[in-house]
């Protein structure tokens, strides 16, 4: 399965439906913790970094070279995946 990371204006969202789980994500965590987001009436659980948390973006992209990072806005479409994910680190 090709992994997908969806960006909001503040965070990178790692959805369970795209194969992300805490065991996998914790391998890339260098500081802080993950927050679980789950909205009532939706089976749409995802993880975001808590404020002050960071991941090793380069390592994640090395391990998942085909990951699709979906940008938030039009102005981000030409930005590299690495820069996009770094911009969502705290």
C-alpha atoms as a PDB file:
ATOM      1  CA  UNK A   1       0.000   0.000   0.000  1.00  0.00           C
ATOM      2  CA  UNK A   2       1.296   3.447  -0.910  1.00  0.00           C
ATOM      3  CA  UNK A   3       1.317   5.587   2.229  1.00  0.00           C
ATOM      4  CA  UNK A   4      -0.243   9.038   2.255  1.00  0.00           C
ATOM      5  CA  UNK A   5       0.352  11.987   4.581  1.00  0.00           C
ATOM      6  CA  UNK A   6      -2.243  14.752   4.407  1.00  0.00           C
ATOM      7  CA  UNK A   7      -1.304  18.268   5.469  1.00  0.00           C
ATOM      8  CA  UNK A   8      -3.499  20.810   7.185  1.00  0.00           C
ATOM      9  CA  UNK A   9      -2.433  24.401   7.682  1.00  0.00           C
ATOM     10  CA  UNK A  10      -0.745  23.453  10.999  1.00  0.00           C
ATOM     11  CA  UNK A  11      -0.086  19.727  11.033  1.00  0.00           C
ATOM     12  CA  UNK A  12       0.766  16.638   9.061  1.00  0.00           C
ATOM     13  CA  UNK A  13      -1.996  14.062   9.468  1.00  0.00           C
ATOM     14  CA  UNK A  14      -1.050  10.373   9.480  1.00  0.00           C
ATOM     15  CA  UNK A  15      -4.334   8.519   8.982  1.00  0.00           C
ATOM     16  CA  UNK A  16      -4.819   4.949  10.155  1.00  0.00           C
ATOM     17  CA  UNK A  17      -6.660   4.191   6.923  1.00  0.00           C
ATOM     18  CA  UNK A  18      -3.420   4.919   5.051  1.00  0.00           C
ATOM     19  CA  UNK A  19      -1.477   2.398   7.114  1.00  0.00           C
ATOM     20  CA  UNK A  20      -0.022   4.611   9.845  1.00  0.00           C
ATOM     21  CA  UNK A  21       0.028   3.345  13.422  1.00  0.00           C
ATOM     22  CA  UNK A  22       1.780   4.466  16.599  1.00  0.00           C
ATOM     23  CA  UNK A  23       4.366   1.682  16.493  1.00  0.00           C
ATOM     24  CA  UNK A  24       5.480   2.821  13.051  1.00  0.00           C
ATOM     25  CA  UNK A  25       5.306   6.559  13.778  1.00  0.00           C
ATOM     26  CA  UNK A  26       7.197   6.274  17.063  1.00  0.00           C
ATOM     27  CA  UNK A  27      10.234   5.029  15.118  1.00  0.00           C
ATOM     28  CA  UNK A  28      10.576   8.532  13.649  1.00  0.00           C
ATOM     29  CA  UNK A  29       9.757  10.565  16.750  1.00  0.00           C
ATOM     30  CA  UNK A  30      12.801  12.490  17.999  1.00  0.00           C
ATOM     31  CA  UNK A  31      11.050  14.714  20.542  1.00  0.00           C
ATOM     32  CA  UNK A  32       7.622  14.851  22.171  1.00  0.00           C
ATOM     33  CA  UNK A  33       4.596  12.677  21.510  1.00  0.00           C
ATOM     34  CA  UNK A  34       1.780  12.006  19.090  1.00  0.00           C
ATOM     35  CA  UNK A  35      -1.821  13.109  19.597  1.00  0.00           C
ATOM     36  CA  UNK A  36      -4.658  10.870  18.445  1.00  0.00           C
ATOM     37  CA  UNK A  37      -7.458  12.689  16.650  1.00  0.00           C
ATOM     38  CA  UNK A  38     -10.823  10.998  16.256  1.00  0.00           C
ATOM     39  CA  UNK A  39     -14.002  12.842  15.516  1.00  0.00           C
ATOM     40  CA  UNK A  40     -17.350  11.591  16.715  1.00  0.00           C
ATOM     41  CA  UNK A  41     -19.312   9.602  14.104  1.00  0.00           C
ATOM     42  CA  UNK A  42     -16.262   9.211  11.861  1.00  0.00           C
ATOM     43  CA  UNK A  43     -13.961   6.257  11.498  1.00  0.00           C
ATOM     44  CA  UNK A  44     -11.221   8.654  10.511  1.00  0.00           C
ATOM     45  CA  UNK A  45      -8.620   8.397  13.264  1.00  0.00           C
ATOM     46  CA  UNK A  46      -5.281  10.043  12.602  1.00  0.00           C
ATOM     47  CA  UNK A  47      -2.144  11.132  14.410  1.00  0.00           C
ATOM     48  CA  UNK A  48      -0.527  14.559  14.609  1.00  0.00           C
ATOM     49  CA  UNK A  49       2.503  15.801  16.488  1.00  0.00           C
ATOM     50  CA  UNK A  50       1.806  17.500  19.792  1.00  0.00           C
ATOM     51  CA  UNK A  51       3.159  21.024  20.217  1.00  0.00           C
ATOM     52  CA  UNK A  52       6.932  20.850  20.626  1.00  0.00           C
ATOM     53  CA  UNK A  53       7.269  17.406  19.013  1.00  0.00           C
ATOM     54  CA  UNK A  54       9.489  16.539  16.045  1.00  0.00           C
ATOM     55  CA  UNK A  55      10.076  13.636  13.691  1.00  0.00           C
ATOM     56  CA  UNK A  56      13.116  12.636  11.667  1.00  0.00           C
ATOM     57  CA  UNK A  57      11.683  13.584   8.287  1.00  0.00           C
ATOM     58  CA  UNK A  58      14.683  12.428   6.259  1.00  0.00           C
ATOM     59  CA  UNK A  59      14.593   8.958   7.809  1.00  0.00           C
ATOM     60  CA  UNK A  60      10.832   8.635   7.265  1.00  0.00           C
ATOM     61  CA  UNK A  61      11.214   9.578   3.594  1.00  0.00           C
ATOM     62  CA  UNK A  62      14.162   7.185   3.205  1.00  0.00           C
ATOM     63  CA  UNK A  63      12.053   4.335   4.624  1.00  0.00           C
ATOM     64  CA  UNK A  64       8.964   5.322   2.606  1.00  0.00           C
ATOM     65  CA  UNK A  65      10.339   6.747  -0.665  1.00  0.00           C
ATOM     66  CA  UNK A  66       6.942   6.513  -2.385  1.00  0.00           C
ATOM     67  CA  UNK A  67       4.956   8.280   0.336  1.00  0.00           C
ATOM     68  CA  UNK A  68       2.505  10.775  -1.119  1.00  0.00           C
ATOM     69  CA  UNK A  69       2.449  14.081   0.795  1.00  0.00           C
ATOM     70  CA  UNK A  70      -0.726  15.977  -0.013  1.00  0.00           C
ATOM     71  CA  UNK A  71      -0.124  19.703   0.384  1.00  0.00           C
ATOM     72  CA  UNK A  72      -2.556  22.029   2.121  1.00  0.00           C
ATOM     73  CA  UNK A  73      -2.684  24.921  -0.279  1.00  0.00           C
ATOM     74  CA  UNK A  74      -1.908  25.882  -3.821  1.00  0.00           C
ATOM     75  CA  UNK A  75       1.225  27.765  -2.766  1.00  0.00           C
ATOM     76  CA  UNK A  76       2.737  24.552  -1.332  1.00  0.00           C
ATOM     77  CA  UNK A  77       2.319  22.410  -4.434  1.00  0.00           C
ATOM     78  CA  UNK A  78       5.861  23.064  -5.705  1.00  0.00           C
ATOM     79  CA  UNK A  79       7.511  22.559  -2.300  1.00  0.00           C
ATOM     80  CA  UNK A  80       9.476  19.349  -1.717  1.00  0.00           C
ATOM     81  CA  UNK A  81       8.001  16.626   0.466  1.00  0.00           C
ATOM     82  CA  UNK A  82      10.893  17.031   2.895  1.00  0.00           C
ATOM     83  CA  UNK A  83      10.335  20.773   3.248  1.00  0.00           C
ATOM     84  CA  UNK A  84       6.594  20.283   3.644  1.00  0.00           C
ATOM     85  CA  UNK A  85       7.002  17.758   6.436  1.00  0.00           C
ATOM     86  CA  UNK A  86       9.729  19.819   8.120  1.00  0.00           C
ATOM     87  CA  UNK A  87       7.351  22.777   8.110  1.00  0.00           C
ATOM     88  CA  UNK A  88       4.903  20.711  10.195  1.00  0.00           C
ATOM     89  CA  UNK A  89       7.518  19.866  12.845  1.00  0.00           C
ATOM     90  CA  UNK A  90       7.312  22.072  15.927  1.00  0.00           C
END
